[in-house]
Amino acid sequence: MSVDEGRLECKLAIEHSVSGASPDQTVAIYNRLGRDRAAIEAELGFFDLDWGKPTPTRIYRRRRAVIEDRGAWPEAFDWLVRVARTGYARQPSEAS
């Protein structure tokens, strides 16, 4: 999750430095996800994802936010939590 240029973003980053995979393997994982993009977006209910923009091997969901407006923080945090939880709602072992 991050704040950038008046936007909140929640991202899935396929990082070789964290996973131990090689850079080529992370690109292959990202490409496999990309082939299932429509199904992934349909299951999550997110049809506004940015795939690989600006960084390849990352998938973002963004929204506008005025971070300086403390009154807007509760709703912004609720959005971040909902987005993050949706991506982790079903683990592969629960998919049957």
C-alpha atoms as a PDB file:
ATOM      1  CA  MET A   1       0.000   0.000   0.000  1.00  0.00           C
ATOM      2  CA  SER A   2       1.269   3.453  -0.743  1.00  0.00           C
ATOM      3  CA  VAL A   3       0.311   7.047  -1.323  1.00  0.00           C
ATOM      4  CA  ASP A   4       1.551   8.690  -4.488  1.00  0.00           C
ATOM      5  CA  GLU A   5       0.540  11.824  -6.382  1.00  0.00           C
ATOM      6  CA  GLY A   6      -2.844  12.196  -4.704  1.00  0.00           C
ATOM      7  CA  ARG A   7      -3.654   8.490  -4.997  1.00  0.00           C
ATOM      8  CA  LEU A   8      -3.868   5.559  -2.661  1.00  0.00           C
ATOM      9  CA  GLU A   9      -2.721   2.290  -4.101  1.00  0.00           C
ATOM     10  CA  CYS A  10      -2.747  -1.305  -3.096  1.00  0.00           C
ATOM     11  CA  LYS A  11      -0.471  -3.555  -5.115  1.00  0.00           C
ATOM     12  CA  LEU A  12       0.554  -7.125  -5.620  1.00  0.00           C
ATOM     13  CA  ALA A  13       4.280  -7.114  -6.301  1.00  0.00           C
ATOM     14  CA  ILE A  14       6.001 -10.248  -7.550  1.00  0.00           C
ATOM     15  CA  GLU A  15       9.498  -9.597  -6.253  1.00  0.00           C
ATOM     16  CA  HIS A  16      12.437 -11.882  -6.888  1.00  0.00           C
ATOM     17  CA  SER A  17      14.390 -10.453  -3.953  1.00  0.00           C
ATOM     18  CA  VAL A  18      11.650 -11.485  -1.508  1.00  0.00           C
ATOM     19  CA  SER A  19      10.521 -14.762  -3.062  1.00  0.00           C
ATOM     20  CA  GLY A  20      13.946 -16.091  -3.928  1.00  0.00           C
ATOM     21  CA  ALA A  21      12.857 -16.507  -7.551  1.00  0.00           C
ATOM     22  CA  SER A  22      15.039 -15.254 -10.369  1.00  0.00           C
ATOM     23  CA  PRO A  23      13.958 -12.122 -12.258  1.00  0.00           C
ATOM     24  CA  ASP A  24      12.978 -14.340 -15.205  1.00  0.00           C
ATOM     25  CA  GLN A  25      10.831 -16.490 -12.907  1.00  0.00           C
ATOM     26  CA  THR A  26       8.996 -13.456 -11.527  1.00  0.00           C
ATOM     27  CA  VAL A  27       8.195 -12.324 -15.075  1.00  0.00           C
ATOM     28  CA  ALA A  28       6.939 -15.842 -15.881  1.00  0.00           C
ATOM     29  CA  ILE A  29       4.681 -15.801 -12.786  1.00  0.00           C
ATOM     30  CA  TYR A  30       3.333 -12.372 -13.747  1.00  0.00           C
ATOM     31  CA  ASN A  31       2.706 -13.549 -17.312  1.00  0.00           C
ATOM     32  CA  ARG A  32       0.783 -16.600 -16.049  1.00  0.00           C
ATOM     33  CA  LEU A  33      -1.401 -14.323 -13.937  1.00  0.00           C
ATOM     34  CA  GLY A  34      -1.876 -12.065 -16.956  1.00  0.00           C
ATOM     35  CA  ARG A  35      -3.207 -14.969 -19.012  1.00  0.00           C
ATOM     36  CA  ASP A  36      -5.905 -15.410 -16.346  1.00  0.00           C
ATOM     37  CA  ARG A  37      -6.533 -11.691 -15.995  1.00  0.00           C
ATOM     38  CA  ALA A  38     -10.240 -11.744 -16.871  1.00  0.00           C
ATOM     39  CA  ALA A  39     -10.964 -14.588 -14.452  1.00  0.00           C
ATOM     40  CA  ILE A  40      -8.921 -12.951 -11.668  1.00  0.00           C
ATOM     41  CA  GLU A  41     -10.663  -9.600 -12.108  1.00  0.00           C
ATOM     42  CA  ALA A  42     -14.081 -11.270 -12.221  1.00  0.00           C
ATOM     43  CA  GLU A  43     -13.449 -13.267  -9.052  1.00  0.00           C
ATOM     44  CA  LEU A  44     -12.130 -10.237  -7.175  1.00  0.00           C
ATOM     45  CA  GLY A  45     -14.765  -7.916  -8.621  1.00  0.00           C
ATOM     46  CA  PHE A  46     -12.041  -5.419  -9.555  1.00  0.00           C
ATOM     47  CA  PHE A  47     -12.201  -4.303 -13.161  1.00  0.00           C
ATOM     48  CA  ASP A  48     -10.000  -1.240 -12.641  1.00  0.00           C
ATOM     49  CA  LEU A  49      -6.647  -2.925 -12.030  1.00  0.00           C
ATOM     50  CA  ASP A  50      -3.457  -1.626 -13.625  1.00  0.00           C
ATOM     51  CA  TRP A  51      -1.351  -4.539 -14.803  1.00  0.00           C
ATOM     52  CA  GLY A  52       2.341  -3.731 -14.994  1.00  0.00           C
ATOM     53  CA  LYS A  53       2.020   0.057 -15.095  1.00  0.00           C
ATOM     54  CA  PRO A  54       4.351   1.634 -14.192  1.00  0.00           C
ATOM     55  CA  THR A  55       6.326  -1.400 -13.005  1.00  0.00           C
ATOM     56  CA  PRO A  56       6.262  -4.796 -14.709  1.00  0.00           C
ATOM     57  CA  THR A  57       5.437  -7.690 -12.365  1.00  0.00           C
ATOM     58  CA  ARG A  58       3.095  -5.541 -10.285  1.00  0.00           C
ATOM     59  CA  ILE A  59      -0.668  -5.285 -10.270  1.00  0.00           C
ATOM     60  CA  TYR A  60      -2.198  -2.122  -8.798  1.00  0.00           C
ATOM     61  CA  ARG A  61      -5.581  -0.898  -7.682  1.00  0.00           C
ATOM     62  CA  ARG A  62      -5.718   2.857  -7.183  1.00  0.00           C
ATOM     63  CA  ARG A  63      -8.074   5.618  -6.191  1.00  0.00           C
ATOM     64  CA  ARG A  64      -7.878   9.361  -5.729  1.00  0.00           C
ATOM     65  CA  ALA A  65      -7.286  10.607  -2.210  1.00  0.00           C
ATOM     66  CA  VAL A  66      -6.574  13.916  -0.518  1.00  0.00           C
ATOM     67  CA  ILE A  67      -4.152  12.759   2.126  1.00  0.00           C
ATOM     68  CA  GLU A  68      -3.939  16.207   3.698  1.00  0.00           C
ATOM     69  CA  ASP A  69      -7.657  15.939   4.598  1.00  0.00           C
ATOM     70  CA  ARG A  70      -7.580  14.035   7.892  1.00  0.00           C
ATOM     71  CA  GLY A  71     -11.367  13.807   7.813  1.00  0.00           C
ATOM     72  CA  ALA A  72     -11.087  11.545   4.756  1.00  0.00           C
ATOM     73  CA  TRP A  73      -8.623   9.146   6.400  1.00  0.00           C
ATOM     74  CA  PRO A  74     -11.138   6.702   7.914  1.00  0.00           C
ATOM     75  CA  GLU A  75     -12.818   6.082   4.555  1.00  0.00           C
ATOM     76  CA  ALA A  76      -9.440   5.861   2.789  1.00  0.00           C
ATOM     77  CA  PHE A  77      -8.144   3.311   5.301  1.00  0.00           C
ATOM     78  CA  ASP A  78     -11.375   1.325   5.008  1.00  0.00           C
ATOM     79  CA  TRP A  79     -10.869   1.205   1.215  1.00  0.00           C
ATOM     80  CA  LEU A  80      -7.269   0.015   1.600  1.00  0.00           C
ATOM     81  CA  VAL A  81      -8.291  -2.712   4.031  1.00  0.00           C
ATOM     82  CA  ARG A  82     -11.167  -3.895   1.797  1.00  0.00           C
ATOM     83  CA  VAL A  83      -8.909  -4.066  -1.260  1.00  0.00           C
ATOM     84  CA  ALA A  84      -6.108  -5.857   0.581  1.00  0.00           C
ATOM     85  CA  ARG A  85      -8.460  -8.352   2.233  1.00  0.00           C
ATOM     86  CA  THR A  86     -10.257  -9.153  -1.010  1.00  0.00           C
ATOM     87  CA  GLY A  87      -7.009 -10.298  -2.580  1.00  0.00           C
ATOM     88  CA  TYR A  88      -6.363 -12.629   0.338  1.00  0.00           C
ATOM     89  CA  ALA A  89      -9.933 -13.741   1.010  1.00  0.00           C
ATOM     90  CA  ARG A  90      -9.443 -17.137  -0.607  1.00  0.00           C
ATOM     91  CA  GLN A  91      -6.253 -19.039  -0.204  1.00  0.00           C
ATOM     92  CA  PRO A  92      -5.504 -21.788  -2.763  1.00  0.00           C
ATOM     93  CA  SER A  93      -6.259 -24.481  -0.174  1.00  0.00           C
ATOM     94  CA  GLU A  94      -9.812 -23.079   0.192  1.00  0.00           C
ATOM     95  CA  ALA A  95     -10.532 -22.969  -3.533  1.00  0.00           C
ATOM     96  CA  SER A  96     -12.412 -26.260  -3.794  1.00  0.00           C
END
